[in-house]
Amino acid sequence: MSLAGPTAPMLVTKEGDPTTPPPPRHGGSARAREDRRVGYLLITPTVVIVFTMVVLPIVWTISLGFQQVRLLNLRQAGFIGDYSLENFKNVLGSSGFVDALITTLVYSIGGTACAIGLGLMAALALRTPFRGRGLVRACMLIPYVAPVVAATFVWTTMLNPQFGIVNYYGTTLLGWDEPIAFLSSSEPVSIFGFDTHVTTALASVILFEAWRSFPFAFLFLTARMEAIPGTYEEAALLDGATVTQRFRYIILPQLAPTIAVLSVLRFIWTFNNFDDIYLLTGGGAGTEVVSVRVFRYLTARGDIGAAAAQALVLAAILAIVVTAYLKFFGRREEQA
C-alpha cells in the first residue's frame, strides 16, 4: 500500500517511461490573441486608406449616377436620394454616345494591338546579344517614362501642317500634293478602297498611343523570352526549322499567355485613357472617346449625374471584358 498523497495521472510513452501530461496551453491562446490584435492594428491604416481613396469614391460615383445632380446642387446631394434611371436613359439615348463608344472601342483595340505588335518586334530585334544592347533597351523605355505633356507637345509640333517636320519631308521627298492636318482632319481613312470609321486624326492618336505604350509590352515580352529554354530552339535548328517556323511553333506559344495578359491590361488602360487624346486633339475630328465625353459633361454642362452614369457604363463594359478573359483564358493559363 502506498502512503503517498494523490498524484497527477501518469501517461506511458511508446518506450514505456511514465510522463506527466502537458500543461494546458493558456499561454499559447493568449499569444495567438495578441498576435491577431497586432495584425489588426497593422492593417488598420491600409484598410482606412483603401476605404477612403477607393471604396468611398466608387460608392459615391454609383450614388451620383442614379441621382439628378448638377454642379449647382452638388452640396445638397448625398448617398441617399431620389434614385432613378433617368441619367442612363439620357446618356444612352443622347446623340453621339454610340459614336463615342465605337470610337473608344476602335481606339482601344487599335492602340492595344499596335502597342503589343511594336513591343513584340522590338523584343525580337533585341533578343540576340550585341555590343550596346543594354543601352538600346534603355532607350526603348523613353516613350513610356517621358511626361505625357512633353510627348504630346513633340508630336503636335512634328505633325503640324505648317511647320511640322513630317509634312516637310512628305511634301519634299514623298511627293505629297499638300500638307496633311494629321490632328485636325476628320476625313475617313480608306483601306483597300473602303472608308472606315477611323479618321486621320484618330489614326494619328492610335499611332501615338502605340508609340507611347509599346515599351510596357516590350519589357514583359523580353522577360518572357529570356525564360524560354535555349534547348528548344537548338533542337529545332538541328531539325532544319527556319526562323519563321521557330517563331511560330516555339516562341509564339511560349509568349501566348503573356500576350493575353498584356492585351487585357492595355485594353483596360487605353479604354480609360483621357489625357493623350485631350492633349492632342481635344476630342475633335472624330476622336471623342467616352472619357472625353464624361469630362465635357462634367465641366461644360455641369451635369454630374450624367457624367457619373457614363463612367458607370465604362466600368460595366470593362467588367464584361475582364470576366470574359478570366472565363476563357484564365483557366487555360492555370492548366498551363
Protein backbone atom coordinates (compact mmCIF):
# COMPACT_ATOMS: atom_id res chain seq x y z
CA MET A 1 0.00 0.00 0.00
CA SER A 2 1.30 3.44 -0.93
CA LEU A 3 1.13 6.18 1.72
CA ALA A 4 1.75 8.97 -0.78
CA GLY A 5 -0.94 11.54 -1.48
CA PRO A 6 -2.86 11.86 -4.73
CA THR A 7 -0.62 12.32 -7.71
CA ALA A 8 -1.16 13.58 -11.22
CA PRO A 9 -2.32 10.99 -13.74
CA MET A 10 0.51 9.22 -15.45
CA LEU A 11 0.98 8.62 -19.17
CA VAL A 12 3.10 5.93 -20.71
CA THR A 13 5.13 6.71 -23.76
CA LYS A 14 5.99 4.28 -26.51
CA GLU A 15 9.24 3.46 -24.71
CA GLY A 16 7.31 2.69 -21.50
CA ASP A 17 8.55 5.69 -19.49
CA PRO A 18 5.87 7.34 -17.37
CA THR A 19 5.40 11.04 -18.13
CA THR A 20 3.07 13.75 -16.97
CA PRO A 21 0.52 15.31 -19.34
CA PRO A 22 1.49 18.62 -20.97
CA PRO A 23 0.22 21.75 -19.25
CA PRO A 24 -2.82 23.49 -20.76
CA ARG A 25 -1.99 25.97 -23.49
CA HIS A 26 -3.46 29.07 -21.91
CA GLY A 27 -0.28 31.00 -22.71
CA GLY A 28 -0.45 29.94 -26.40
CA SER A 29 -4.05 31.13 -26.78
CA ALA A 30 -3.17 34.46 -25.22
CA ARG A 31 -0.22 34.78 -27.57
CA ALA A 32 -2.43 34.00 -30.56
CA ARG A 33 -4.97 36.63 -29.49
CA GLU A 34 -2.16 39.13 -29.03
CA ASP A 35 -0.80 38.36 -32.49
CA ARG A 36 -4.24 38.87 -34.01
CA ARG A 37 -4.64 42.22 -32.25
CA VAL A 38 -1.22 43.34 -33.51
CA GLY A 39 -2.12 42.19 -37.05
CA TYR A 40 -5.39 44.10 -37.00
CA LEU A 41 -3.56 47.15 -35.71
CA LEU A 42 -1.00 46.97 -38.51
CA ILE A 43 -3.53 46.62 -41.35
CA THR A 44 -5.88 49.28 -39.99
CA PRO A 45 -4.10 52.21 -41.77
CA THR A 46 -4.20 50.33 -45.08
CA VAL A 47 -7.88 49.50 -44.67
CA VAL A 48 -8.69 53.12 -43.83
CA ILE A 49 -6.74 54.43 -46.84
CA VAL A 50 -8.29 51.91 -49.25
CA PHE A 51 -11.78 52.63 -47.94
CA THR A 52 -11.27 56.40 -48.15
CA MET A 53 -9.48 56.53 -51.51
CA VAL A 54 -11.10 53.61 -53.38
CA VAL A 55 -14.32 52.28 -51.86
CA LEU A 56 -15.87 55.60 -50.85
CA PRO A 57 -15.36 57.31 -54.27
CA ILE A 58 -16.79 54.26 -56.06
CA VAL A 59 -19.88 54.22 -53.85
CA TRP A 60 -20.25 57.99 -54.24
CA THR A 61 -19.99 57.73 -58.04
CA ILE A 62 -22.61 54.97 -58.15
CA SER A 63 -24.91 57.06 -55.98
CA LEU A 64 -24.47 60.14 -58.18
CA GLY A 65 -25.14 58.12 -61.31
CA PHE A 66 -28.69 57.39 -60.14
CA GLN A 67 -29.47 60.94 -59.00
CA GLN A 68 -30.27 64.15 -60.83
CA VAL A 69 -27.24 66.07 -59.59
CA ARG A 70 -25.82 69.14 -61.24
CA LEU A 71 -22.97 71.40 -60.22
CA LEU A 72 -25.36 73.93 -58.65
CA ASN A 73 -27.00 71.46 -56.26
CA LEU A 74 -23.99 69.28 -55.53
CA ARG A 75 -23.86 70.37 -51.89
CA GLN A 76 -27.36 69.08 -51.28
CA ALA A 77 -26.59 65.67 -52.82
CA GLY A 78 -25.97 62.72 -50.53
CA PHE A 79 -25.53 58.99 -50.68
CA ILE A 80 -29.27 58.50 -50.30
CA GLY A 81 -31.52 60.50 -52.57
CA ASP A 82 -34.14 60.22 -55.28
CA TYR A 83 -32.73 57.31 -57.27
CA SER A 84 -33.83 56.81 -60.87
CA LEU A 85 -32.57 55.55 -64.22
CA GLU A 86 -33.11 58.91 -65.91
CA ASN A 87 -29.38 59.64 -66.27
CA PHE A 88 -28.73 56.32 -68.00
CA LYS A 89 -31.70 56.84 -70.35
CA ASN A 90 -30.46 60.32 -71.27
CA VAL A 91 -26.88 59.17 -71.73
CA LEU A 92 -27.58 56.03 -73.73
CA GLY A 93 -30.16 57.81 -75.86
CA SER A 94 -28.18 61.00 -76.43
CA SER A 95 -26.81 61.81 -79.84
CA GLY A 96 -23.17 60.97 -80.21
CA PHE A 97 -22.90 58.41 -77.43
CA VAL A 98 -22.89 55.40 -79.77
CA ASP A 99 -20.31 57.10 -82.00
CA ALA A 100 -18.16 57.90 -78.97
CA LEU A 101 -18.42 54.31 -77.78
CA ILE A 102 -17.44 52.97 -81.21
CA THR A 103 -14.54 55.42 -81.33
CA THR A 104 -13.45 54.26 -77.89
CA LEU A 105 -13.52 50.61 -78.95
CA VAL A 106 -11.61 51.34 -82.17
CA TYR A 107 -9.06 53.42 -80.29
CA SER A 108 -8.64 50.79 -77.55
CA ILE A 109 -8.37 47.78 -79.86
CA GLY A 110 -6.14 49.56 -82.36
CA GLY A 111 -3.87 51.07 -79.71
CA THR A 112 -3.57 47.78 -77.84
CA ALA A 113 -2.82 45.72 -80.95
CA CYS A 114 -0.27 48.19 -82.29
CA ALA A 115 1.46 48.58 -78.93
CA ILE A 116 1.82 44.82 -78.42
CA GLY A 117 2.91 44.36 -82.04
CA LEU A 118 5.62 47.02 -81.75
CA GLY A 119 6.72 45.62 -78.40
CA LEU A 120 6.99 42.11 -79.88
CA MET A 121 9.03 43.32 -82.85
CA ALA A 122 11.36 45.28 -80.57
CA ALA A 123 11.80 42.31 -78.23
CA LEU A 124 12.62 40.01 -81.16
CA ALA A 125 15.02 42.52 -82.71
CA LEU A 126 16.95 42.95 -79.45
CA ARG A 127 16.93 39.30 -78.47
CA THR A 128 20.35 38.44 -79.89
CA PRO A 129 23.21 39.85 -77.77
CA PHE A 130 25.35 42.58 -79.31
CA ARG A 131 27.53 45.40 -78.08
CA GLY A 132 25.43 48.20 -76.65
CA ARG A 133 22.24 46.15 -76.37
CA GLY A 134 21.64 47.34 -72.80
CA LEU A 135 21.81 50.97 -73.88
CA VAL A 136 19.40 50.36 -76.76
CA ARG A 137 16.97 48.58 -74.44
CA ALA A 138 17.15 51.50 -72.03
CA CYS A 139 16.40 53.94 -74.86
CA MET A 140 13.31 51.90 -75.71
CA LEU A 141 11.78 52.99 -72.40
CA ILE A 142 11.92 56.71 -73.18
CA PRO A 143 8.41 56.97 -74.69
CA TYR A 144 6.89 55.25 -71.65
CA VAL A 145 8.69 57.28 -68.99
CA ALA A 146 8.53 60.65 -70.75
CA PRO A 147 5.92 63.09 -69.36
CA VAL A 148 2.74 62.91 -71.40
CA VAL A 149 2.61 66.70 -71.78
CA ALA A 150 6.09 66.80 -73.28
CA ALA A 151 5.38 63.82 -75.55
CA THR A 152 2.14 65.28 -76.89
CA PHE A 153 3.84 68.65 -77.47
CA VAL A 154 6.56 66.99 -79.54
CA TRP A 155 4.02 65.08 -81.62
CA THR A 156 1.85 68.16 -82.11
CA THR A 157 4.87 70.07 -83.38
CA MET A 158 6.02 67.24 -85.65
CA LEU A 159 2.57 66.78 -87.22
CA ASN A 160 1.79 70.47 -87.62
CA PRO A 161 0.67 71.12 -91.23
CA GLN A 162 2.56 74.44 -91.46
CA PHE A 163 5.98 73.87 -89.91
CA GLY A 164 5.94 70.20 -88.87
CA ILE A 165 8.86 68.02 -89.88
CA VAL A 166 6.59 65.20 -91.08
CA ASN A 167 4.79 67.37 -93.61
CA TYR A 168 8.08 68.97 -94.67
CA TYR A 169 9.64 65.67 -95.67
CA GLY A 170 6.30 64.43 -97.00
CA THR A 171 5.96 67.29 -99.46
CA THR A 172 9.65 67.49 -100.41
CA LEU A 173 10.65 63.82 -100.53
CA LEU A 174 7.47 61.72 -100.66
CA GLY A 175 5.64 63.81 -103.23
CA TRP A 176 2.61 64.87 -101.19
CA ASP A 177 0.48 67.39 -103.04
CA GLU A 178 -0.24 69.40 -99.90
CA PRO A 179 0.42 69.16 -96.15
CA ILE A 180 -1.83 66.88 -94.13
CA ALA A 181 -3.53 68.11 -90.95
CA PHE A 182 -2.97 64.87 -89.06
CA LEU A 183 -4.53 66.01 -85.77
CA SER A 184 -7.44 68.03 -87.11
CA SER A 185 -8.53 66.21 -90.26
CA SER A 186 -11.84 64.36 -89.97
CA GLU A 187 -11.57 62.62 -93.33
CA PRO A 188 -12.05 58.84 -93.03
CA VAL A 189 -9.07 56.60 -93.69
CA SER A 190 -9.59 54.36 -96.71
CA ILE A 191 -8.37 50.75 -96.52
CA PHE A 192 -8.37 48.83 -99.80
CA GLY A 193 -10.87 51.30 -101.19
CA PHE A 194 -13.31 51.05 -98.25
CA ASP A 195 -13.96 54.04 -96.00
CA THR A 196 -13.66 53.20 -92.32
CA HIS A 197 -14.82 54.80 -89.08
CA VAL A 198 -11.19 55.77 -88.43
CA THR A 199 -10.40 59.36 -89.31
CA THR A 200 -6.95 60.77 -89.98
CA ALA A 201 -6.88 62.34 -86.51
CA LEU A 202 -7.98 59.09 -84.84
CA ALA A 203 -5.33 57.11 -86.73
CA SER A 204 -2.69 59.61 -85.56
CA VAL A 205 -3.88 59.28 -81.96
CA ILE A 206 -3.78 55.47 -82.22
CA LEU A 207 -0.21 55.64 -83.50
CA PHE A 208 0.74 57.93 -80.63
CA GLU A 209 -0.79 55.51 -78.14
CA ALA A 210 1.11 52.61 -79.72
CA TRP A 211 4.39 54.55 -79.65
CA ARG A 212 3.91 55.59 -76.04
CA SER A 213 2.78 52.19 -74.73
CA PHE A 214 4.90 49.67 -76.63
CA PRO A 215 7.80 49.79 -74.07
CA PHE A 216 5.46 48.25 -71.49
CA ALA A 217 4.83 45.26 -73.76
CA PHE A 218 8.50 45.21 -74.71
CA LEU A 219 9.53 44.72 -71.07
CA PHE A 220 7.09 41.87 -70.44
CA LEU A 221 7.86 40.05 -73.68
CA THR A 222 11.61 40.43 -73.27
CA ALA A 223 11.45 38.98 -69.76
CA ARG A 224 9.39 36.01 -71.02
CA MET A 225 11.76 35.38 -73.93
CA GLU A 226 14.71 35.27 -71.55
CA ALA A 227 12.97 32.43 -69.69
CA ILE A 228 12.48 30.24 -72.78
CA PRO A 229 14.96 27.31 -72.62
CA GLY A 230 17.51 27.53 -75.38
CA THR A 231 17.41 23.77 -75.92
CA TYR A 232 14.05 24.10 -77.69
CA GLU A 233 15.40 26.26 -80.47
CA GLU A 234 18.65 24.34 -80.67
CA ALA A 235 16.74 21.11 -81.28
CA ALA A 236 14.54 22.81 -83.87
CA LEU A 237 17.61 24.27 -85.56
CA LEU A 238 19.17 20.82 -85.80
CA ASP A 239 15.95 19.54 -87.35
CA GLY A 240 16.21 22.21 -90.05
CA ALA A 241 13.48 24.58 -88.85
CA THR A 242 13.53 28.04 -90.38
CA VAL A 243 13.34 31.31 -88.46
CA THR A 244 9.64 31.63 -89.20
CA GLN A 245 8.95 28.07 -88.07
CA ARG A 246 10.89 28.56 -84.82
CA PHE A 247 8.92 31.70 -84.09
CA ARG A 248 5.56 30.14 -84.93
CA TYR A 249 5.95 26.79 -83.16
CA ILE A 250 8.35 27.60 -80.29
CA ILE A 251 8.49 31.27 -79.37
CA LEU A 252 4.89 32.32 -80.02
CA PRO A 253 3.27 29.50 -77.96
CA GLN A 254 5.56 30.43 -75.07
CA LEU A 255 4.54 34.09 -75.35
CA ALA A 256 0.81 33.46 -75.76
CA PRO A 257 -0.13 33.70 -72.02
CA THR A 258 1.93 36.88 -71.63
CA ILE A 259 0.35 38.42 -74.73
CA ALA A 260 -3.11 37.57 -73.38
CA VAL A 261 -2.39 39.34 -70.07
CA LEU A 262 -0.89 42.32 -71.87
CA SER A 263 -3.94 42.56 -74.13
CA VAL A 264 -6.30 42.79 -71.17
CA LEU A 265 -4.16 45.29 -69.25
CA ARG A 266 -3.50 47.53 -72.23
CA PHE A 267 -7.15 47.41 -73.33
CA ILE A 268 -8.33 48.49 -69.86
CA TRP A 269 -5.81 51.35 -69.65
CA THR A 270 -6.42 52.51 -73.22
CA PHE A 271 -10.19 52.28 -72.81
CA ASN A 272 -9.98 54.68 -69.84
CA ASN A 273 -7.34 56.90 -71.42
CA PHE A 274 -8.12 60.60 -71.44
CA ASP A 275 -5.01 62.77 -71.35
CA ASP A 276 -3.44 61.62 -74.63
CA ILE A 277 -6.48 62.37 -76.77
CA TYR A 278 -7.41 65.54 -74.92
CA LEU A 279 -3.90 66.98 -75.24
CA LEU A 280 -3.53 66.02 -78.91
CA THR A 281 -6.93 66.80 -80.42
CA GLY A 282 -9.21 67.90 -77.59
CA GLY A 283 -11.66 65.22 -78.68
CA GLY A 284 -12.32 66.82 -82.06
CA ALA A 285 -12.08 65.50 -85.62
CA GLY A 286 -13.70 62.18 -84.79
CA THR A 287 -11.57 61.40 -81.73
CA GLU A 288 -14.15 61.94 -78.99
CA VAL A 289 -13.95 58.90 -76.75
CA VAL A 290 -16.25 58.28 -73.80
CA SER A 291 -13.73 59.55 -71.26
CA VAL A 292 -13.53 62.91 -73.07
CA ARG A 293 -17.31 62.93 -73.25
CA VAL A 294 -17.51 62.40 -69.48
CA PHE A 295 -15.14 65.32 -68.97
CA ARG A 296 -17.27 67.59 -71.15
CA TYR A 297 -20.46 66.62 -69.36
CA LEU A 298 -18.74 67.37 -66.08
CA THR A 299 -17.12 70.70 -66.96
CA ALA A 300 -19.04 72.24 -69.87
CA ARG A 301 -22.55 71.16 -68.87
CA GLY A 302 -22.08 70.76 -65.14
CA ASP A 303 -24.21 67.60 -65.26
CA ILE A 304 -22.52 65.49 -62.62
CA GLY A 305 -25.17 62.78 -62.61
CA ALA A 306 -24.88 62.18 -66.37
CA ALA A 307 -21.08 62.17 -66.16
CA ALA A 308 -21.20 59.59 -63.36
CA ALA A 309 -23.66 57.49 -65.37
CA GLN A 310 -21.31 57.43 -68.36
CA ALA A 311 -18.43 56.46 -66.09
CA LEU A 312 -20.51 53.56 -64.77
CA VAL A 313 -21.23 52.45 -68.33
CA LEU A 314 -17.48 52.38 -68.97
CA ALA A 315 -16.95 50.36 -65.80
CA ALA A 316 -19.66 47.87 -66.82
CA ILE A 317 -18.05 47.33 -70.24
CA LEU A 318 -14.64 46.76 -68.69
CA ALA A 319 -16.15 44.35 -66.15
CA ILE A 320 -17.61 42.32 -69.02
CA VAL A 321 -14.24 42.24 -70.78
CA VAL A 322 -12.35 41.14 -67.66
CA THR A 323 -14.97 38.49 -66.86
CA ALA A 324 -14.75 37.08 -70.38
CA TYR A 325 -10.97 37.00 -70.15
CA LEU A 326 -11.00 35.17 -66.82
CA LYS A 327 -13.55 32.68 -68.10
CA PHE A 328 -11.97 31.81 -71.44
CA PHE A 329 -8.25 32.41 -70.84
CA GLY A 330 -7.73 32.30 -67.08
CA ARG A 331 -8.34 28.54 -66.82
CA ARG A 332 -6.01 27.81 -69.71
CA GLU A 333 -3.19 29.69 -68.00
CA GLU A 334 -3.78 27.83 -64.75
CA GLN A 335 -3.70 24.50 -66.56
CA ALA A 336 -0.55 25.51 -68.41
